[in-house]
Amino acid sequence: MAAELVGPARRRLLHRHVAAGLESLHSAEPEPVSAQIAFHHEGAGAAAAAGA
């Protein structure tokens, strides 16, 4: 799996970037991708932003 090829710090950074990108692309209607956004926030170590 690709996630195993990068270290934990880099993986968190990538999750943070993906979450930000999804939020930006879907700012008008985030509901359809809210689970994916939460998943990436959690992967970035931002559990509060993920709704936890």
N, C-alpha and C. Protein backbone atom coordinates (compact mmCIF):
# COMPACT_ATOMS: atom_id res chain seq x y z
N MET A 1 0.84 -1.18 0.00
CA MET A 1 0.00 0.00 0.00
C MET A 1 0.89 1.24 0.00
N ALA A 2 0.44 2.27 -0.70
CA ALA A 2 1.23 3.50 -0.83
C ALA A 2 1.48 4.17 0.52
N ALA A 3 0.53 4.08 1.44
CA ALA A 3 0.69 4.72 2.75
C ALA A 3 1.87 4.16 3.51
N GLU A 4 2.23 2.93 3.23
CA GLU A 4 3.36 2.31 3.92
C GLU A 4 4.70 2.81 3.40
N LEU A 5 4.69 3.51 2.27
CA LEU A 5 5.92 3.98 1.65
C LEU A 5 6.37 5.33 2.18
N VAL A 6 5.53 6.00 2.94
CA VAL A 6 5.89 7.31 3.50
C VAL A 6 5.86 7.22 5.03
N GLY A 7 6.65 8.06 5.65
CA GLY A 7 6.70 8.08 7.11
C GLY A 7 5.46 8.71 7.70
N PRO A 8 5.29 8.56 9.01
CA PRO A 8 4.08 9.08 9.66
C PRO A 8 3.91 10.59 9.56
N ALA A 9 4.99 11.35 9.66
CA ALA A 9 4.87 12.81 9.58
C ALA A 9 4.42 13.23 8.18
N ARG A 10 5.00 12.62 7.17
CA ARG A 10 4.63 12.93 5.79
C ARG A 10 3.18 12.50 5.52
N ARG A 11 2.77 11.35 6.05
CA ARG A 11 1.42 10.86 5.88
C ARG A 11 0.41 11.84 6.49
N ARG A 12 0.71 12.36 7.70
CA ARG A 12 -0.19 13.35 8.33
C ARG A 12 -0.28 14.61 7.47
N LEU A 13 0.84 15.05 6.93
CA LEU A 13 0.85 16.24 6.08
C LEU A 13 0.00 16.01 4.83
N LEU A 14 0.13 14.85 4.22
CA LEU A 14 -0.67 14.55 3.02
C LEU A 14 -2.16 14.51 3.35
N HIS A 15 -2.51 13.91 4.49
CA HIS A 15 -3.91 13.90 4.91
C HIS A 15 -4.42 15.34 5.10
N ARG A 16 -3.59 16.18 5.71
CA ARG A 16 -3.98 17.58 5.94
C ARG A 16 -4.25 18.28 4.61
N HIS A 17 -3.37 18.05 3.62
CA HIS A 17 -3.54 18.68 2.31
C HIS A 17 -4.80 18.17 1.59
N VAL A 18 -5.05 16.88 1.68
CA VAL A 18 -6.24 16.33 1.03
C VAL A 18 -7.51 16.89 1.69
N ALA A 19 -7.53 16.95 3.02
CA ALA A 19 -8.69 17.50 3.72
C ALA A 19 -8.93 18.95 3.29
N ALA A 20 -7.88 19.73 3.23
CA ALA A 20 -8.01 21.14 2.83
C ALA A 20 -8.50 21.25 1.39
N GLY A 21 -7.99 20.39 0.53
CA GLY A 21 -8.42 20.41 -0.86
C GLY A 21 -9.89 20.07 -1.02
N LEU A 22 -10.32 19.03 -0.31
CA LEU A 22 -11.73 18.64 -0.36
C LEU A 22 -12.62 19.75 0.17
N GLU A 23 -12.20 20.37 1.27
CA GLU A 23 -12.98 21.48 1.83
C GLU A 23 -13.09 22.63 0.84
N SER A 24 -12.00 22.92 0.16
CA SER A 24 -11.99 24.01 -0.81
C SER A 24 -12.86 23.69 -2.02
N LEU A 25 -12.69 22.49 -2.56
CA LEU A 25 -13.45 22.10 -3.75
C LEU A 25 -14.94 21.97 -3.49
N HIS A 26 -15.30 21.60 -2.28
CA HIS A 26 -16.70 21.36 -1.94
C HIS A 26 -17.23 22.36 -0.92
N SER A 27 -16.69 23.55 -0.92
CA SER A 27 -17.07 24.54 0.09
C SER A 27 -18.56 24.91 0.01
N ALA A 28 -19.12 24.88 -1.18
CA ALA A 28 -20.53 25.24 -1.32
C ALA A 28 -21.45 24.14 -0.81
N GLU A 29 -21.01 22.89 -0.91
CA GLU A 29 -21.83 21.76 -0.47
C GLU A 29 -20.93 20.62 0.02
N PRO A 30 -20.41 20.73 1.24
CA PRO A 30 -19.47 19.73 1.75
C PRO A 30 -20.10 18.41 2.21
N GLU A 31 -21.41 18.40 2.40
CA GLU A 31 -22.08 17.21 2.96
C GLU A 31 -21.75 15.91 2.21
N PRO A 32 -21.78 15.88 0.87
CA PRO A 32 -21.52 14.61 0.18
C PRO A 32 -20.12 14.02 0.44
N VAL A 33 -19.17 14.87 0.81
CA VAL A 33 -17.81 14.37 1.05
C VAL A 33 -17.39 14.55 2.51
N SER A 34 -18.34 14.80 3.38
CA SER A 34 -18.00 15.08 4.79
C SER A 34 -17.29 13.90 5.45
N ALA A 35 -17.65 12.67 5.12
CA ALA A 35 -16.97 11.51 5.71
C ALA A 35 -15.52 11.45 5.26
N GLN A 36 -15.27 11.76 3.99
CA GLN A 36 -13.89 11.75 3.49
C GLN A 36 -13.07 12.86 4.12
N ILE A 37 -13.70 14.03 4.28
CA ILE A 37 -13.00 15.14 4.92
C ILE A 37 -12.64 14.76 6.36
N ALA A 38 -13.59 14.19 7.08
CA ALA A 38 -13.33 13.76 8.46
C ALA A 38 -12.23 12.71 8.51
N PHE A 39 -12.26 11.76 7.58
CA PHE A 39 -11.23 10.71 7.53
C PHE A 39 -9.85 11.34 7.39
N HIS A 40 -9.71 12.32 6.51
CA HIS A 40 -8.40 12.94 6.28
C HIS A 40 -8.00 13.84 7.45
N HIS A 41 -8.95 14.50 8.08
CA HIS A 41 -8.61 15.27 9.28
C HIS A 41 -8.11 14.33 10.38
N GLU A 42 -8.79 13.21 10.52
CA GLU A 42 -8.35 12.23 11.53
C GLU A 42 -6.96 11.71 11.20
N GLY A 43 -6.72 11.42 9.93
CA GLY A 43 -5.39 10.94 9.51
C GLY A 43 -4.32 11.99 9.72
N ALA A 44 -4.72 13.25 9.69
CA ALA A 44 -3.76 14.35 9.91
C ALA A 44 -3.53 14.60 11.39
N GLY A 45 -4.30 13.90 12.23
CA GLY A 45 -4.15 14.11 13.66
C GLY A 45 -5.00 15.24 14.18
N ALA A 46 -5.98 15.65 13.40
CA ALA A 46 -6.86 16.75 13.79
C ALA A 46 -8.24 16.20 14.13
N ALA A 47 -8.32 15.42 15.17
CA ALA A 47 -9.57 14.76 15.55
C ALA A 47 -10.69 15.75 15.83
N ALA A 48 -10.37 16.91 16.38
CA ALA A 48 -11.40 17.91 16.68
C ALA A 48 -12.05 18.40 15.40
N ALA A 49 -11.26 18.64 14.37
CA ALA A 49 -11.81 19.08 13.09
C ALA A 49 -12.59 17.97 12.40
N ALA A 50 -12.25 16.72 12.71
CA ALA A 50 -12.93 15.58 12.11
C ALA A 50 -14.29 15.31 12.76
N GLY A 51 -14.58 16.04 13.83
CA GLY A 51 -15.86 15.88 14.49
C GLY A 51 -15.83 14.86 15.61
N ALA A 52 -14.65 14.53 16.08
CA ALA A 52 -14.53 13.54 17.18
C ALA A 52 -14.70 14.20 18.52
